[in-house]
Amino acid sequence: VHTERQMTVLFVTHQPEDARRIGQDMVFLDNHTVAATGTAANFFDASGPDGFRRYVGMDPAKGRRA
């Protein structure tokens, strides 16, 4: 849809790997609140938001899988 019609697509998932594969920009909700926004690439690197890193099993202090 995005490529064919040049439309923004809102994709909701609880699967981080789907978000990494499909998403460009991300919004992370924690306890029903927007906790962080940014590019998908930044969410998965060492500078990603602590709450998101905990959610995907990364060590928040080290930025890699615990």
N, C-alpha and C. Protein backbone atom coordinates (compact mmCIF):
# COMPACT_ATOMS: atom_id res chain seq x y z
N VAL A 1 0.84 -1.19 0.00
CA VAL A 1 0.00 0.00 0.00
C VAL A 1 0.88 1.25 0.00
N HIS A 2 1.88 1.28 0.87
CA HIS A 2 2.75 2.45 0.94
C HIS A 2 3.44 2.72 -0.40
N THR A 3 3.99 1.69 -1.00
CA THR A 3 4.71 1.86 -2.26
C THR A 3 3.78 2.21 -3.41
N GLU A 4 2.66 1.52 -3.50
CA GLU A 4 1.73 1.75 -4.61
C GLU A 4 1.06 3.11 -4.55
N ARG A 5 0.62 3.51 -3.37
CA ARG A 5 -0.21 4.71 -3.25
C ARG A 5 0.47 5.85 -2.51
N GLN A 6 1.70 5.66 -2.07
CA GLN A 6 2.42 6.68 -1.32
C GLN A 6 1.64 7.15 -0.10
N MET A 7 1.10 6.17 0.64
CA MET A 7 0.31 6.46 1.83
C MET A 7 1.06 6.00 3.07
N THR A 8 0.87 6.72 4.15
CA THR A 8 1.40 6.28 5.43
C THR A 8 0.57 5.12 5.93
N VAL A 9 1.25 4.11 6.48
CA VAL A 9 0.58 2.92 7.00
C VAL A 9 0.90 2.81 8.48
N LEU A 10 -0.13 2.62 9.29
CA LEU A 10 0.04 2.39 10.72
C LEU A 10 -0.05 0.89 10.95
N PHE A 11 1.05 0.31 11.43
CA PHE A 11 1.15 -1.13 11.66
C PHE A 11 1.37 -1.34 13.15
N VAL A 12 0.50 -2.10 13.78
CA VAL A 12 0.59 -2.35 15.22
C VAL A 12 1.01 -3.80 15.43
N THR A 13 2.04 -4.00 16.26
CA THR A 13 2.52 -5.35 16.52
C THR A 13 3.10 -5.45 17.92
N HIS A 14 3.11 -6.66 18.43
CA HIS A 14 3.81 -6.96 19.68
C HIS A 14 5.08 -7.74 19.38
N GLN A 15 5.39 -7.90 18.11
CA GLN A 15 6.56 -8.66 17.67
C GLN A 15 7.67 -7.69 17.24
N PRO A 16 8.69 -7.50 18.06
CA PRO A 16 9.75 -6.54 17.72
C PRO A 16 10.42 -6.81 16.37
N GLU A 17 10.60 -8.07 16.01
CA GLU A 17 11.26 -8.36 14.73
C GLU A 17 10.41 -7.92 13.54
N ASP A 18 9.08 -8.00 13.67
CA ASP A 18 8.21 -7.48 12.61
C ASP A 18 8.38 -5.97 12.50
N ALA A 19 8.44 -5.30 13.63
CA ALA A 19 8.62 -3.85 13.63
C ALA A 19 9.95 -3.47 12.99
N ARG A 20 11.00 -4.21 13.31
CA ARG A 20 12.32 -3.92 12.74
C ARG A 20 12.30 -4.13 11.22
N ARG A 21 11.65 -5.19 10.77
CA ARG A 21 11.64 -5.55 9.36
C ARG A 21 10.77 -4.61 8.53
N ILE A 22 9.63 -4.22 9.07
CA ILE A 22 8.64 -3.46 8.30
C ILE A 22 8.71 -1.96 8.56
N GLY A 23 9.00 -1.58 9.79
CA GLY A 23 8.86 -0.18 10.19
C GLY A 23 10.00 0.73 9.77
N GLN A 24 9.66 1.99 9.62
CA GLN A 24 10.65 3.05 9.42
C GLN A 24 10.73 3.87 10.70
N ASP A 25 9.59 4.34 11.15
CA ASP A 25 9.50 5.09 12.40
C ASP A 25 8.68 4.28 13.38
N MET A 26 9.02 4.39 14.67
CA MET A 26 8.33 3.60 15.68
C MET A 26 7.87 4.47 16.83
N VAL A 27 6.81 4.01 17.47
CA VAL A 27 6.32 4.59 18.72
C VAL A 27 6.23 3.43 19.70
N PHE A 28 6.86 3.57 20.86
CA PHE A 28 6.83 2.51 21.88
C PHE A 28 5.92 2.96 23.00
N LEU A 29 4.89 2.14 23.28
CA LEU A 29 3.96 2.41 24.37
C LEU A 29 4.35 1.57 25.57
N ASP A 30 4.37 2.19 26.74
CA ASP A 30 4.67 1.49 27.99
C ASP A 30 3.60 1.90 28.98
N ASN A 31 2.83 0.93 29.44
CA ASN A 31 1.74 1.20 30.39
C ASN A 31 0.76 2.24 29.83
N HIS A 32 0.37 2.05 28.56
CA HIS A 32 -0.63 2.89 27.88
C HIS A 32 -0.15 4.32 27.63
N THR A 33 1.14 4.54 27.69
CA THR A 33 1.71 5.87 27.51
C THR A 33 2.81 5.82 26.46
N VAL A 34 2.89 6.86 25.61
CA VAL A 34 3.99 6.93 24.65
C VAL A 34 5.28 7.12 25.44
N ALA A 35 6.15 6.12 25.40
CA ALA A 35 7.40 6.16 26.15
C ALA A 35 8.56 6.62 25.28
N ALA A 36 8.48 6.38 23.96
CA ALA A 36 9.58 6.78 23.08
C ALA A 36 9.11 6.76 21.63
N THR A 37 9.74 7.60 20.83
CA THR A 37 9.52 7.62 19.39
C THR A 37 10.89 7.71 18.72
N GLY A 38 10.98 7.25 17.49
CA GLY A 38 12.24 7.33 16.75
C GLY A 38 12.23 6.39 15.57
N THR A 39 13.38 6.28 14.94
CA THR A 39 13.49 5.37 13.80
C THR A 39 13.60 3.94 14.30
N ALA A 40 13.17 3.01 13.49
CA ALA A 40 13.27 1.60 13.86
C ALA A 40 14.72 1.22 14.10
N ALA A 41 15.63 1.70 13.27
CA ALA A 41 17.05 1.37 13.44
C ALA A 41 17.56 1.81 14.80
N ASN A 42 17.19 3.01 15.25
CA ASN A 42 17.66 3.51 16.54
C ASN A 42 17.09 2.74 17.71
N PHE A 43 15.89 2.22 17.58
CA PHE A 43 15.29 1.46 18.68
C PHE A 43 16.10 0.21 18.98
N PHE A 44 16.70 -0.39 17.97
CA PHE A 44 17.38 -1.67 18.13
C PHE A 44 18.88 -1.54 18.37
N ASP A 45 19.41 -0.31 18.43
CA ASP A 45 20.83 -0.20 18.72
C ASP A 45 21.05 0.16 20.19
N ALA A 46 22.28 0.37 20.57
CA ALA A 46 22.63 0.60 21.98
C ALA A 46 22.00 1.87 22.54
N SER A 47 21.60 2.80 21.69
CA SER A 47 21.01 4.05 22.19
C SER A 47 19.49 3.99 22.27
N GLY A 48 18.91 2.83 22.00
CA GLY A 48 17.45 2.68 22.05
C GLY A 48 16.91 2.93 23.44
N PRO A 49 15.62 3.23 23.54
CA PRO A 49 15.01 3.53 24.84
C PRO A 49 15.09 2.33 25.80
N ASP A 50 15.38 2.61 27.08
CA ASP A 50 15.53 1.56 28.09
C ASP A 50 14.32 0.63 28.15
N GLY A 51 13.11 1.17 28.18
CA GLY A 51 11.91 0.34 28.28
C GLY A 51 11.79 -0.61 27.11
N PHE A 52 12.11 -0.13 25.92
CA PHE A 52 12.06 -0.98 24.74
C PHE A 52 13.13 -2.05 24.80
N ARG A 53 14.32 -1.68 25.21
CA ARG A 53 15.41 -2.67 25.30
C ARG A 53 15.06 -3.77 26.30
N ARG A 54 14.44 -3.40 27.40
CA ARG A 54 14.00 -4.42 28.36
C ARG A 54 12.93 -5.32 27.74
N TYR A 55 12.00 -4.72 26.99
CA TYR A 55 10.91 -5.47 26.36
C TYR A 55 11.44 -6.55 25.41
N VAL A 56 12.48 -6.22 24.66
CA VAL A 56 13.02 -7.18 23.69
C VAL A 56 14.13 -8.04 24.27
N GLY A 57 14.41 -7.89 25.57
CA GLY A 57 15.40 -8.73 26.22
C GLY A 57 16.83 -8.26 26.10
N MET A 58 17.01 -6.97 25.82
CA MET A 58 18.36 -6.42 25.77
C MET A 58 18.72 -5.86 27.13
N ASP A 59 19.98 -5.94 27.48
CA ASP A 59 20.47 -5.34 28.72
C ASP A 59 20.48 -3.82 28.53
N PRO A 60 19.64 -3.07 29.27
CA PRO A 60 19.58 -1.62 29.08
C PRO A 60 20.92 -0.93 29.27
N ALA A 61 21.77 -1.46 30.13
CA ALA A 61 23.07 -0.83 30.39
C ALA A 61 24.06 -1.09 29.26
N LYS A 62 23.95 -2.23 28.60
CA LYS A 62 24.94 -2.62 27.60
C LYS A 62 24.44 -2.51 26.17
N GLY A 63 23.12 -2.44 25.98
CA GLY A 63 22.57 -2.31 24.64
C GLY A 63 22.65 -3.57 23.81
N ARG A 64 22.70 -4.72 24.46
CA ARG A 64 22.71 -5.99 23.71
C ARG A 64 21.86 -7.01 24.45
N ARG A 65 21.59 -8.12 23.79
CA ARG A 65 20.75 -9.16 24.40
C ARG A 65 21.34 -9.60 25.72
N ALA A 66 20.47 -9.71 26.73
CA ALA A 66 20.92 -10.13 28.06
C ALA A 66 21.21 -11.62 28.09
